[in-house]
Amino acid sequence: MNKIIKTYFLAIGLLFAFNACQDMLNTNSSLIAMEDEYQISNETEAANAFRGIISELVFIADRYVLMGELRGDLMTTSGFAASDLQDITRFQVSKENEYTDKSDYYRIINNCNFLLQKLDTTLIIRNEQALLRYHVLTKTLRAWTYFQIGQVYGKATYFTEPILDLNASLLQYPEKSLDDLVNTLIDELKPYSSLFTNIMHGSTIPVRILLGDLYLYKNDYHTAASLYYDFISDLGYTVSGDYVNRWVNMNMESVTISLNRFNNEMLTAMPGYISMQQYHSRLVNLSYNDKPSILPAENYVRFMSEALYLHAANNVALPVYSGGDLRGCMQLPNSRPLGAAYNYVDIKGTQECLIYRYFDNALYVGIDPDNNLSNGVYVRPNIPVYRIPHLYLRFAEALNRLEKPTLAFAVLKYGLNDANVRDTLRVKVNPSELQGEPFTQFPQATFFDRNVSMTGRGRGGGVPLDTVFFIIPDLPTKQDSILWVEDRILEEMAAETPFEGNRFFDLLRVSRRRANHPEYMAEKVAAKYPDRDDMKTKLLNPDIWFLP
């Protein structure tokens, strides 16, 4: 009974010990201490404590999405949005903006620090360090949270010990720039990259994917590609043909819709709610509403609608083309739109384009008198952090920068499997790009055989068969081809993972390696504004990209 009581209060303590902490740079927190001599010495206690920290992610889930999208080029705000959201979209955030408060992030970090201090990793059971797994999971979650702070605010106050008296402690800890932070996090996680590789990751952050992202950010493409490939190979993840939106015939009379990718291709997710009485995600209410606060940017809707759709039947490409990537929105013959990323709905006699992704398969939990469109409170049970498309597209990004543009393009156009990359009748991948590295091998009769074209999942079964439109053009240099393919990968990220919280971070990562940085980023983001030229001039200053 005593152990049960200790476990219970430990979990509660980890959840709420630091709830009184305000912004790490402005706090009057008093000393909060727990049993100094107490150690977590069994898996039940460790699991309960870790789950307590995971549940705290609900408080940053919406912010993860909004900070990643409002500063990108796929999402904007409406006149109904709170001024704090509008200011983020306009890159004019003051210190009074509610989203400048970092306390939710730092509370997660501090609880991770506390758990790491209390875990008894010396405990040996059956010749293994029994609690080392929770040590690795907690360190990875802490590193991921730090990476989010760095990407939102451009810097982070870095500490690895539990802070008990914040007023007395803050001056001791350094503030790291995003670049310095990335290097620190890599050093922290490197020793664990080969541990616990077969953990199913539903509510945890996979250490190899996070390390891959960190190396990709700092342009170490070889290490990033190796980490992504090893993760894919060990767990057998594929770009599945089950998740395809396509017209059923060349007359485009009806459409076949995939299973819900937003749910079914998730590798890791944050909880979307604790309970309706305590806290829940507001993404549905902000987006699918007769008074929406966040909207799909017009330039994004136009890009998706103008994409070339290539129909194919019986594995034969037909000369039937139409406009539209069906991962955006499908306009059926009876003129009824069928939403995927976004949807057209009638609001007071006017067709309005709204973000549909959060509403699709959301849970109805009650009546909402303030939303005359849905007439209810809907919540997402979880908010994706990593999905399989992320994994393959970032792998392709690394391959491309390793001077393997045709192999990277195969992820988009053909599907990454041996039959495609070694096709001698119709050469799809330059054979020289398949030499010398384990991560260029996709053996026959393995899960790789199931990989399909990423782009074809919304632009038609004719994409892999096409030899005219969606191909790498004949460019003067290989570097030109790499830049062209990178732009197509970035477009595919927009089509496959819109409104999920990635866009600003994707643009930031790609822009900083471009010769015309920061103009590359400024031009991309400015495209969504009516005053495009003025916003581009404003965005040429990278200092305003981050919140104060």
Protein backbone atom coordinates (compact mmCIF):
# COMPACT_ATOMS: atom_id res chain seq x y z
CA MET A 1 0.00 0.00 0.00
CA ASN A 2 2.84 2.39 0.87
CA LYS A 3 4.37 1.87 -2.62
CA ILE A 4 1.01 2.50 -4.28
CA ILE A 5 0.56 5.73 -2.34
CA LYS A 6 4.08 6.87 -3.22
CA THR A 7 3.50 6.08 -6.91
CA TYR A 8 0.22 7.96 -6.92
CA PHE A 9 1.65 11.07 -5.32
CA LEU A 10 4.73 10.94 -7.55
CA ALA A 11 2.57 10.98 -10.68
CA ILE A 12 0.44 13.79 -9.29
CA GLY A 13 3.55 15.65 -8.25
CA LEU A 14 5.06 15.38 -11.70
CA LEU A 15 1.87 16.70 -13.21
CA PHE A 16 1.26 19.58 -10.88
CA ALA A 17 4.40 20.32 -8.89
CA PHE A 18 5.37 23.13 -11.22
CA ASN A 19 1.95 24.33 -12.39
CA ALA A 20 2.51 27.47 -10.36
CA CYS A 21 5.57 28.33 -12.45
CA GLN A 22 4.94 31.23 -14.77
CA ASP A 23 7.07 32.32 -17.70
CA MET A 24 10.58 31.16 -16.90
CA LEU A 25 11.84 34.71 -17.18
CA ASN A 26 9.13 36.20 -14.97
CA THR A 27 8.14 34.14 -11.97
CA ASN A 28 7.55 34.40 -8.26
CA SER A 29 7.61 30.66 -7.75
CA SER A 30 8.31 29.46 -4.24
CA LEU A 31 10.30 26.38 -3.28
CA ILE A 32 8.55 23.13 -4.14
CA ALA A 33 10.28 19.99 -2.91
CA MET A 34 9.51 16.30 -2.82
CA GLU A 35 11.04 13.41 -0.89
CA ASP A 36 14.77 13.77 -1.60
CA GLU A 37 15.50 10.21 -0.70
CA TYR A 38 12.73 8.71 -2.81
CA GLN A 39 13.78 6.87 -5.96
CA ILE A 40 11.63 5.29 -8.68
CA SER A 41 12.71 1.70 -8.59
CA ASN A 42 10.12 -0.30 -10.51
CA GLU A 43 8.50 -0.13 -13.94
CA THR A 44 4.99 0.62 -12.69
CA GLU A 45 6.16 3.76 -10.95
CA ALA A 46 8.26 4.80 -13.94
CA ALA A 47 5.40 4.22 -16.38
CA ASN A 48 2.93 6.18 -14.25
CA ALA A 49 5.32 9.09 -13.91
CA PHE A 50 6.10 9.16 -17.64
CA ARG A 51 2.41 9.02 -18.55
CA GLY A 52 1.86 11.98 -16.26
CA ILE A 53 4.34 14.03 -18.26
CA ILE A 54 2.88 12.85 -21.59
CA SER A 55 -0.54 14.10 -20.48
CA GLU A 56 0.96 17.59 -20.05
CA LEU A 57 1.57 17.77 -23.81
CA VAL A 58 -2.11 18.61 -24.22
CA PHE A 59 -1.31 22.14 -23.08
CA ILE A 60 1.08 22.77 -25.98
CA ALA A 61 -0.72 20.72 -28.66
CA ASP A 62 -2.70 23.58 -30.22
CA ARG A 63 0.29 25.89 -29.96
CA TYR A 64 2.44 23.30 -31.75
CA VAL A 65 0.05 23.46 -34.71
CA LEU A 66 -0.60 27.21 -34.69
CA MET A 67 3.05 28.25 -34.30
CA GLY A 68 4.02 25.91 -37.12
CA GLU A 69 1.29 27.04 -39.52
CA LEU A 70 0.41 30.69 -38.91
CA ARG A 71 4.00 31.71 -39.64
CA GLY A 72 4.04 29.59 -42.81
CA ASP A 73 2.31 29.98 -46.15
CA LEU A 74 -0.60 27.51 -45.86
CA MET A 75 -2.71 29.06 -43.08
CA THR A 76 -3.96 32.55 -42.31
CA THR A 77 -6.35 34.25 -39.91
CA SER A 78 -9.76 35.79 -40.45
CA GLY A 79 -11.28 38.96 -39.06
CA PHE A 80 -12.91 36.80 -36.37
CA ALA A 81 -9.52 35.76 -34.95
CA ALA A 82 -8.26 37.11 -31.66
CA SER A 83 -5.71 39.88 -32.08
CA ASP A 84 -2.97 37.67 -30.63
CA LEU A 85 -3.43 35.20 -33.51
CA GLN A 86 -3.64 37.96 -36.10
CA ASP A 87 -0.43 39.49 -34.78
CA ILE A 88 1.37 36.15 -35.15
CA THR A 89 0.23 35.95 -38.77
CA ARG A 90 1.46 39.49 -39.40
CA PHE A 91 4.79 38.92 -37.59
CA GLN A 92 4.13 41.78 -35.18
CA VAL A 93 4.04 39.95 -31.85
CA SER A 94 4.49 41.99 -28.67
CA LYS A 95 5.63 40.61 -25.33
CA GLU A 96 2.03 40.96 -24.11
CA ASN A 97 0.81 38.35 -26.64
CA GLU A 98 -0.48 35.27 -24.80
CA TYR A 99 1.59 32.97 -27.01
CA THR A 100 4.86 34.45 -25.72
CA ASP A 101 4.29 32.61 -22.43
CA LYS A 102 6.70 29.67 -22.36
CA SER A 103 5.64 28.19 -19.01
CA ASP A 104 3.79 25.17 -20.46
CA TYR A 105 6.92 24.11 -22.33
CA TYR A 106 9.22 24.61 -19.36
CA ARG A 107 6.89 22.78 -17.01
CA ILE A 108 7.22 19.71 -19.24
CA ILE A 109 11.01 20.11 -19.28
CA ASN A 110 11.18 20.55 -15.52
CA ASN A 111 9.06 17.47 -14.91
CA CYS A 112 11.33 15.52 -17.27
CA ASN A 113 14.31 16.73 -15.24
CA PHE A 114 12.63 15.62 -12.04
CA LEU A 115 11.83 12.17 -13.40
CA LEU A 116 15.37 11.73 -14.74
CA GLN A 117 16.73 12.57 -11.29
CA LYS A 118 14.44 10.10 -9.53
CA LEU A 119 14.77 7.13 -11.93
CA ASP A 120 16.99 4.39 -10.49
CA THR A 121 18.80 3.39 -13.68
CA THR A 122 21.22 1.22 -11.70
CA LEU A 123 18.46 -1.32 -11.06
CA ILE A 124 19.40 -4.61 -12.78
CA ILE A 125 16.75 -7.22 -13.60
CA ARG A 126 17.67 -10.23 -15.76
CA ASN A 127 21.03 -8.64 -16.56
CA GLU A 128 19.40 -5.46 -17.92
CA GLN A 129 19.04 -1.91 -16.66
CA ALA A 130 15.34 -2.23 -16.03
CA LEU A 131 14.44 1.47 -16.10
CA LEU A 132 16.87 2.65 -18.77
CA ARG A 133 14.03 2.68 -21.31
CA TYR A 134 12.18 5.38 -19.36
CA HIS A 135 15.40 7.33 -19.00
CA VAL A 136 15.78 7.36 -22.80
CA LEU A 137 12.11 8.16 -23.45
CA THR A 138 12.17 11.03 -20.97
CA LYS A 139 15.41 12.51 -22.31
CA THR A 140 14.02 12.35 -25.85
CA LEU A 141 10.77 14.04 -24.83
CA ARG A 142 12.73 16.77 -23.08
CA ALA A 143 14.93 17.29 -26.15
CA TRP A 144 11.88 17.44 -28.44
CA THR A 145 10.27 20.07 -26.16
CA TYR A 146 13.46 22.14 -26.21
CA PHE A 147 13.54 21.91 -30.00
CA GLN A 148 9.98 23.26 -30.15
CA ILE A 149 10.93 26.22 -27.93
CA GLY A 150 13.94 26.94 -30.13
CA GLN A 151 11.90 26.88 -33.33
CA VAL A 152 9.13 29.08 -31.91
CA TYR A 153 11.22 31.60 -29.98
CA GLY A 154 14.63 31.28 -31.65
CA LYS A 155 16.33 30.50 -28.34
CA ALA A 156 15.77 28.65 -25.08
CA THR A 157 16.86 28.85 -21.45
CA TYR A 158 18.61 25.54 -21.02
CA PHE A 159 18.73 23.53 -17.80
CA THR A 160 18.84 19.80 -17.00
CA GLU A 161 18.35 19.79 -13.23
CA PRO A 162 14.97 20.14 -11.50
CA ILE A 163 14.39 23.78 -10.68
CA LEU A 164 12.89 24.14 -7.23
CA ASP A 165 13.39 27.84 -6.55
CA LEU A 166 13.14 29.53 -9.94
CA ASN A 167 13.94 33.02 -8.69
CA ALA A 168 17.24 31.86 -7.28
CA SER A 169 18.08 29.50 -10.13
CA LEU A 170 17.41 31.21 -13.43
CA LEU A 171 20.52 33.33 -13.47
CA GLN A 172 22.61 30.17 -13.35
CA TYR A 173 21.32 28.80 -16.64
CA PRO A 174 22.43 29.86 -20.14
CA GLU A 175 20.18 31.01 -22.92
CA LYS A 176 21.07 29.11 -26.07
CA SER A 177 20.42 30.17 -29.66
CA LEU A 178 18.56 27.71 -31.85
CA ASP A 179 21.77 26.59 -33.57
CA ASP A 180 23.59 26.06 -30.27
CA LEU A 181 20.57 24.28 -28.86
CA VAL A 182 20.49 21.83 -31.78
CA ASN A 183 24.14 20.90 -31.18
CA THR A 184 23.50 20.40 -27.46
CA LEU A 185 20.47 18.19 -28.07
CA ILE A 186 22.39 16.05 -30.56
CA ASP A 187 25.15 15.50 -28.01
CA GLU A 188 22.52 14.51 -25.43
CA LEU A 189 20.74 11.98 -27.63
CA LYS A 190 23.58 10.40 -29.63
CA PRO A 191 24.35 7.73 -26.99
CA TYR A 192 20.78 6.43 -27.23
CA SER A 193 20.27 6.24 -31.00
CA SER A 194 20.55 2.44 -31.12
CA LEU A 195 18.62 1.67 -27.91
CA PHE A 196 15.04 0.39 -27.76
CA THR A 197 14.61 0.57 -31.52
CA ASN A 198 11.48 -1.60 -31.59
CA ILE A 199 9.35 0.44 -29.20
CA MET A 200 5.99 1.20 -30.79
CA HIS A 201 5.84 4.97 -30.57
CA GLY A 202 2.19 5.96 -30.19
CA SER A 203 2.71 8.38 -27.30
CA THR A 204 6.49 8.75 -27.26
CA ILE A 205 9.02 10.61 -29.40
CA PRO A 206 11.21 8.21 -31.45
CA VAL A 207 14.81 9.11 -30.66
CA ARG A 208 16.09 8.29 -34.15
CA ILE A 209 13.49 10.47 -35.90
CA LEU A 210 14.19 13.39 -33.58
CA LEU A 211 17.94 12.95 -34.08
CA GLY A 212 17.33 12.75 -37.82
CA ASP A 213 15.44 16.06 -37.68
CA LEU A 214 18.20 17.70 -35.66
CA TYR A 215 20.91 16.55 -38.08
CA LEU A 216 18.75 17.58 -41.03
CA TYR A 217 18.38 21.04 -39.51
CA LYS A 218 22.16 21.43 -39.26
CA ASN A 219 22.66 20.08 -42.81
CA ASP A 220 24.32 16.79 -41.82
CA TYR A 221 22.42 14.91 -44.51
CA HIS A 222 24.33 11.64 -44.32
CA THR A 223 23.64 11.10 -40.62
CA ALA A 224 20.03 12.18 -41.04
CA ALA A 225 19.45 9.79 -43.96
CA SER A 226 21.02 6.91 -42.00
CA LEU A 227 18.80 7.52 -38.99
CA TYR A 228 15.60 7.78 -41.03
CA TYR A 229 16.47 4.68 -43.07
CA ASP A 230 17.31 2.60 -39.99
CA PHE A 231 14.04 3.58 -38.33
CA ILE A 232 12.06 2.74 -41.48
CA SER A 233 13.88 -0.58 -41.90
CA ASP A 234 13.58 -1.73 -38.30
CA LEU A 235 9.86 -1.04 -38.04
CA GLY A 236 8.80 -1.67 -41.65
CA TYR A 237 6.89 1.54 -42.35
CA THR A 238 5.68 2.16 -45.91
CA VAL A 239 3.93 4.76 -48.02
CA SER A 240 0.79 2.70 -48.33
CA GLY A 241 -1.56 2.42 -51.28
CA ASP A 242 -4.41 2.21 -48.77
CA TYR A 243 -4.33 5.97 -48.35
CA VAL A 244 -5.22 7.21 -51.83
CA ASN A 245 -7.82 9.69 -53.04
CA ARG A 246 -8.58 9.05 -56.72
CA TRP A 247 -11.22 9.38 -59.42
CA VAL A 248 -12.79 6.00 -60.19
CA ASN A 249 -12.73 6.45 -63.97
CA MET A 250 -11.58 8.77 -66.74
CA ASN A 251 -14.94 10.57 -66.73
CA MET A 252 -14.38 11.52 -63.09
CA GLU A 253 -17.90 10.55 -62.12
CA SER A 254 -17.11 9.66 -58.52
CA VAL A 255 -14.17 9.44 -56.18
CA THR A 256 -12.60 6.77 -54.01
CA ILE A 257 -11.51 8.17 -50.66
CA SER A 258 -8.72 6.81 -48.53
CA LEU A 259 -8.94 5.82 -44.93
CA ASN A 260 -8.32 8.74 -42.61
CA ARG A 261 -4.60 9.44 -42.96
CA PHE A 262 -4.63 12.01 -40.20
CA ASN A 263 -5.30 9.16 -37.75
CA ASN A 264 -4.01 6.00 -39.37
CA GLU A 265 -0.52 7.04 -40.42
CA MET A 266 0.45 8.51 -37.08
CA LEU A 267 3.67 7.40 -35.43
CA THR A 268 3.54 9.81 -32.49
CA ALA A 269 0.80 12.09 -31.23
CA MET A 270 0.03 14.49 -28.40
CA PRO A 271 -3.23 14.11 -26.49
CA GLY A 272 -5.96 16.45 -27.72
CA TYR A 273 -7.88 16.64 -24.47
CA ILE A 274 -7.89 15.61 -20.83
CA SER A 275 -11.59 16.15 -20.26
CA MET A 276 -14.16 18.70 -21.31
CA GLN A 277 -14.20 20.07 -17.78
CA GLN A 278 -10.42 20.61 -17.69
CA TYR A 279 -8.72 21.18 -21.04
CA HIS A 280 -9.17 20.25 -24.69
CA SER A 281 -7.87 21.24 -28.11
CA ARG A 282 -9.69 24.15 -29.73
CA LEU A 283 -8.52 23.49 -33.29
CA VAL A 284 -11.95 22.37 -34.54
CA ASN A 285 -13.68 25.39 -33.05
CA LEU A 286 -11.06 27.75 -34.44
CA SER A 287 -11.32 26.33 -37.97
CA TYR A 288 -14.69 24.67 -38.69
CA ASN A 289 -17.01 27.40 -37.58
CA ASP A 290 -19.41 29.93 -39.08
CA LYS A 291 -17.04 32.50 -37.54
CA PRO A 292 -13.68 30.79 -38.17
CA SER A 293 -10.47 32.22 -36.73
CA ILE A 294 -8.02 30.29 -38.93
CA LEU A 295 -8.39 29.65 -42.66
CA PRO A 296 -6.51 27.96 -45.49
CA ALA A 297 -4.45 30.58 -47.30
CA GLU A 298 -5.82 31.42 -50.75
CA ASN A 299 -2.48 30.79 -52.41
CA TYR A 300 -2.41 27.26 -50.93
CA VAL A 301 -5.93 26.47 -52.13
CA ARG A 302 -5.00 27.75 -55.58
CA PHE A 303 -1.80 25.67 -55.63
CA MET A 304 -3.72 22.49 -54.75
CA SER A 305 -6.51 23.14 -57.26
CA GLU A 306 -4.06 23.83 -60.09
CA ALA A 307 -1.97 20.70 -59.58
CA LEU A 308 -2.10 18.33 -62.54
CA TYR A 309 -4.13 15.15 -61.97
CA LEU A 310 -3.11 12.19 -64.18
CA HIS A 311 -5.62 9.39 -64.53
CA ALA A 312 -4.64 5.76 -65.12
CA ALA A 313 -6.66 2.57 -65.54
CA ASN A 314 -5.41 -1.01 -65.67
CA ASN A 315 -1.89 0.28 -65.13
CA VAL A 316 -1.98 2.16 -68.43
CA ALA A 317 -1.60 5.92 -68.48
CA LEU A 318 -4.48 7.57 -70.30
CA PRO A 319 -4.28 11.00 -71.95
CA VAL A 320 -6.87 12.28 -69.48
CA TYR A 321 -5.74 15.11 -67.26
CA SER A 322 -7.60 17.38 -64.92
CA GLY A 323 -6.81 19.97 -62.31
CA GLY A 324 -6.53 19.31 -58.65
CA ASP A 325 -4.70 17.35 -56.01
CA LEU A 326 -7.46 15.35 -54.33
CA ARG A 327 -5.75 15.66 -50.97
CA GLY A 328 -7.05 19.22 -50.91
CA CYS A 329 -10.73 19.09 -51.81
CA MET A 330 -12.73 17.02 -54.30
CA GLN A 331 -15.43 18.68 -56.41
CA LEU A 332 -17.89 15.94 -57.34
CA PRO A 333 -19.98 15.98 -60.57
CA ASN A 334 -23.06 17.08 -58.65
CA SER A 335 -21.01 20.11 -57.51
CA ARG A 336 -20.93 18.88 -53.93
CA PRO A 337 -17.43 19.40 -52.51
CA LEU A 338 -15.87 16.63 -50.49
CA GLY A 339 -13.21 17.93 -48.15
CA ALA A 340 -9.85 16.50 -47.27
CA ALA A 341 -7.42 19.20 -46.10
CA TYR A 342 -10.05 21.89 -46.62
CA ASN A 343 -13.70 22.03 -47.64
CA TYR A 344 -16.26 24.45 -49.06
CA VAL A 345 -19.30 25.04 -46.87
CA ASP A 346 -22.32 27.28 -47.14
CA ILE A 347 -22.33 30.06 -44.55
CA LYS A 348 -25.30 32.40 -44.85
CA GLY A 349 -25.62 31.72 -48.58
CA THR A 350 -21.92 32.12 -49.36
CA GLN A 351 -19.46 29.33 -50.14
CA GLU A 352 -16.58 29.64 -47.70
CA CYS A 353 -13.37 27.60 -47.79
CA LEU A 354 -12.57 26.23 -44.33
CA ILE A 355 -9.91 23.96 -42.90
CA TYR A 356 -11.51 20.53 -42.66
CA ARG A 357 -8.61 18.43 -41.42
CA TYR A 358 -9.29 18.87 -37.70
CA PHE A 359 -13.05 18.32 -37.99
CA ASP A 360 -12.69 15.09 -39.96
CA ASN A 361 -13.26 12.19 -37.53
CA ALA A 362 -13.20 14.50 -34.51
CA LEU A 363 -15.13 13.43 -31.42
CA TYR A 364 -18.48 15.06 -30.60
CA VAL A 365 -18.50 15.82 -26.90
CA GLY A 366 -21.34 18.29 -26.42
CA ILE A 367 -23.45 21.17 -27.64
CA ASP A 368 -21.76 24.41 -28.70
CA PRO A 369 -24.15 27.39 -28.90
CA ASP A 370 -21.33 29.55 -30.26
CA ASN A 371 -20.74 27.45 -33.39
CA ASN A 372 -23.69 27.54 -35.77
CA LEU A 373 -21.84 25.44 -38.36
CA SER A 374 -21.06 22.29 -36.42
CA ASN A 375 -23.65 22.88 -33.65
CA GLY A 376 -21.41 21.03 -31.27
CA VAL A 377 -18.12 20.86 -29.46
CA TYR A 378 -15.78 18.59 -31.39
CA VAL A 379 -12.28 17.70 -30.28
CA ARG A 380 -9.43 15.81 -31.81
CA PRO A 381 -8.47 12.91 -29.54
CA ASN A 382 -4.84 13.45 -30.55
CA ILE A 383 -2.63 15.86 -32.48
CA PRO A 384 -0.07 14.21 -34.79
CA VAL A 385 3.60 14.95 -34.24
CA TYR A 386 5.07 12.42 -36.66
CA ARG A 387 3.29 10.55 -39.43
CA ILE A 388 4.76 8.17 -42.00
CA PRO A 389 4.73 10.84 -44.77
CA HIS A 390 6.95 13.04 -42.59
CA LEU A 391 9.42 10.21 -42.31
CA TYR A 392 9.68 9.50 -46.04
CA LEU A 393 9.69 13.13 -47.14
CA ARG A 394 12.47 14.06 -44.73
CA PHE A 395 14.38 10.97 -45.84
CA ALA A 396 13.93 12.16 -49.44
CA GLU A 397 15.11 15.64 -48.43
CA ALA A 398 18.33 14.20 -47.00
CA LEU A 399 18.90 11.91 -50.00
CA ASN A 400 18.48 14.80 -52.41
CA ARG A 401 21.07 16.93 -50.62
CA LEU A 402 23.46 13.96 -50.74
CA GLU A 403 23.49 14.48 -54.53
CA LYS A 404 20.92 11.76 -55.15
CA PRO A 405 18.11 13.78 -56.75
CA THR A 406 16.67 10.95 -58.89
CA LEU A 407 16.50 8.64 -55.87
CA ALA A 408 14.84 11.36 -53.79
CA PHE A 409 12.39 12.07 -56.61
CA ALA A 410 11.50 8.35 -56.72
CA VAL A 411 9.91 8.77 -53.27
CA LEU A 412 7.49 11.27 -54.79
CA LYS A 413 6.88 9.82 -58.24
CA TYR A 414 7.32 6.04 -58.15
CA GLY A 415 7.59 4.58 -54.67
CA LEU A 416 10.79 3.55 -52.95
CA ASN A 417 11.25 -0.12 -53.77
CA ASP A 418 13.74 -2.29 -55.61
CA ALA A 419 11.60 -2.71 -58.73
CA ASN A 420 11.45 1.03 -59.25
CA VAL A 421 14.94 2.10 -58.28
CA ARG A 422 16.59 -0.68 -60.35
CA ASP A 423 14.26 -0.60 -63.36
CA THR A 424 16.42 -1.17 -66.46
CA LEU A 425 13.64 -0.96 -69.06
CA ARG A 426 12.64 2.52 -68.01
CA VAL A 427 15.41 3.99 -65.92
CA LYS A 428 13.89 5.98 -63.07
CA VAL A 429 16.91 6.32 -60.79
CA ASN A 430 20.45 7.04 -61.88
CA PRO A 431 22.39 3.83 -61.00
CA SER A 432 25.31 5.89 -59.69
CA GLU A 433 23.07 7.14 -56.87
CA LEU A 434 22.60 3.60 -55.53
CA GLN A 435 26.24 2.93 -54.78
CA GLY A 436 28.10 2.70 -51.51
CA GLU A 437 25.50 3.46 -48.83
CA PRO A 438 23.21 1.07 -46.92
CA PHE A 439 20.40 3.62 -47.08
CA THR A 440 20.20 3.29 -50.87
CA GLN A 441 19.22 -0.39 -50.69
CA PHE A 442 15.56 -1.48 -50.77
CA PRO A 443 15.66 -5.29 -51.00
CA GLN A 444 13.08 -7.30 -52.93
CA ALA A 445 10.55 -9.43 -51.05
CA THR A 446 10.56 -7.05 -48.08
CA PHE A 447 8.14 -4.44 -46.83
CA PHE A 448 9.72 -1.95 -49.28
CA ASP A 449 7.79 -3.72 -52.07
CA ARG A 450 4.59 -2.14 -50.70
CA ASN A 451 5.79 1.44 -51.16
CA VAL A 452 3.77 3.49 -53.64
CA SER A 453 4.13 6.93 -55.19
CA MET A 454 3.65 9.65 -52.58
CA THR A 455 2.42 12.22 -55.09
CA GLY A 456 0.11 9.72 -56.77
CA ARG A 457 -1.92 9.41 -53.59
CA GLY A 458 -3.67 12.65 -54.48
CA ARG A 459 -2.70 13.37 -58.09
CA GLY A 460 -3.71 10.10 -59.69
CA GLY A 461 -2.44 6.65 -60.56
CA GLY A 462 -0.96 8.01 -63.77
CA VAL A 463 1.79 9.91 -61.94
CA PRO A 464 4.24 6.96 -61.84
CA LEU A 465 3.53 6.22 -65.52
CA ASP A 466 3.87 9.79 -66.78
CA THR A 467 6.91 10.59 -68.93
CA VAL A 468 6.03 14.15 -69.91
CA PHE A 469 4.78 16.34 -67.09
CA PHE A 470 6.02 15.36 -63.64
CA ILE A 471 9.67 14.62 -64.44
CA ILE A 472 13.00 16.18 -63.54
CA PRO A 473 13.71 18.63 -66.38
CA ASP A 474 16.95 18.74 -68.30
CA LEU A 475 18.86 21.32 -66.26
CA PRO A 476 22.39 22.69 -66.73
CA THR A 477 23.93 21.22 -63.56
CA LYS A 478 23.28 18.59 -60.95
CA GLN A 479 22.97 21.34 -58.35
CA ASP A 480 20.10 22.81 -60.38
CA SER A 481 18.40 19.39 -60.32
CA ILE A 482 18.86 19.17 -56.56
CA LEU A 483 17.21 22.56 -56.06
CA TRP A 484 14.36 21.62 -58.42
CA VAL A 485 13.72 18.34 -56.57
CA GLU A 486 13.91 20.08 -53.20
CA ASP A 487 11.18 22.47 -54.31
CA ARG A 488 9.02 19.51 -55.33
CA ILE A 489 9.62 17.83 -51.95
CA LEU A 490 8.56 21.03 -50.21
CA GLU A 491 5.40 21.14 -52.34
CA GLU A 492 4.70 17.51 -51.48
CA MET A 493 5.05 18.33 -47.79
CA ALA A 494 2.35 20.96 -48.29
CA ALA A 495 0.06 18.45 -50.01
CA GLU A 496 0.62 15.53 -47.61
CA THR A 497 1.00 17.24 -44.23
CA PRO A 498 -0.91 20.54 -44.33
CA PHE A 499 -2.14 22.23 -41.15
CA GLU A 500 -0.30 19.73 -38.95
CA GLY A 501 2.21 22.16 -37.47
CA ASN A 502 5.19 21.61 -39.77
CA ARG A 503 5.18 24.29 -42.42
CA PHE A 504 7.15 27.13 -40.83
CA PHE A 505 9.77 24.66 -39.61
CA ASP A 506 10.03 23.03 -43.05
CA LEU A 507 10.49 26.42 -44.72
CA LEU A 508 13.02 27.51 -42.10
CA ARG A 509 15.09 24.34 -42.53
CA VAL A 510 15.15 24.56 -46.33
CA SER A 511 15.64 28.33 -46.53
CA ARG A 512 18.68 28.46 -44.25
CA ARG A 513 20.64 26.19 -46.62
CA ARG A 514 19.73 28.20 -49.73
CA ALA A 515 22.12 30.73 -51.24
CA ASN A 516 19.34 33.35 -51.24
CA HIS A 517 18.43 32.94 -47.56
CA PRO A 518 16.51 34.73 -46.03
CA GLU A 519 14.87 35.82 -49.29
CA TYR A 520 13.76 32.25 -50.01
CA MET A 521 11.73 32.13 -46.79
CA ALA A 522 10.44 35.69 -47.17
CA GLU A 523 9.19 35.06 -50.68
CA LYS A 524 7.43 31.80 -49.76
CA VAL A 525 5.60 33.19 -46.74
CA ALA A 526 4.79 36.56 -48.32
CA ALA A 527 2.82 34.79 -51.07
CA LYS A 528 -0.23 34.45 -48.81
CA TYR A 529 -0.67 38.18 -48.10
CA PRO A 530 -2.60 40.75 -50.16
CA ASP A 531 0.30 43.18 -49.54
CA ARG A 532 2.81 40.61 -50.73
CA ASP A 533 5.67 42.98 -51.60
CA ASP A 534 5.50 44.85 -48.30
CA MET A 535 5.43 41.60 -46.33
CA LYS A 536 8.38 40.21 -48.26
CA THR A 537 10.41 43.30 -47.38
CA LYS A 538 9.40 42.90 -43.74
CA LEU A 539 10.24 39.18 -43.69
CA LEU A 540 13.75 39.73 -45.01
CA ASN A 541 14.61 40.34 -41.35
CA PRO A 542 14.85 36.85 -39.74
CA ASP A 543 14.66 38.36 -36.25
CA ILE A 544 10.90 38.86 -36.62
CA TRP A 545 10.28 35.24 -37.59
CA PHE A 546 10.42 34.20 -33.94
CA LEU A 547 8.25 35.17 -31.00
CA PRO A 548 9.82 37.39 -28.32
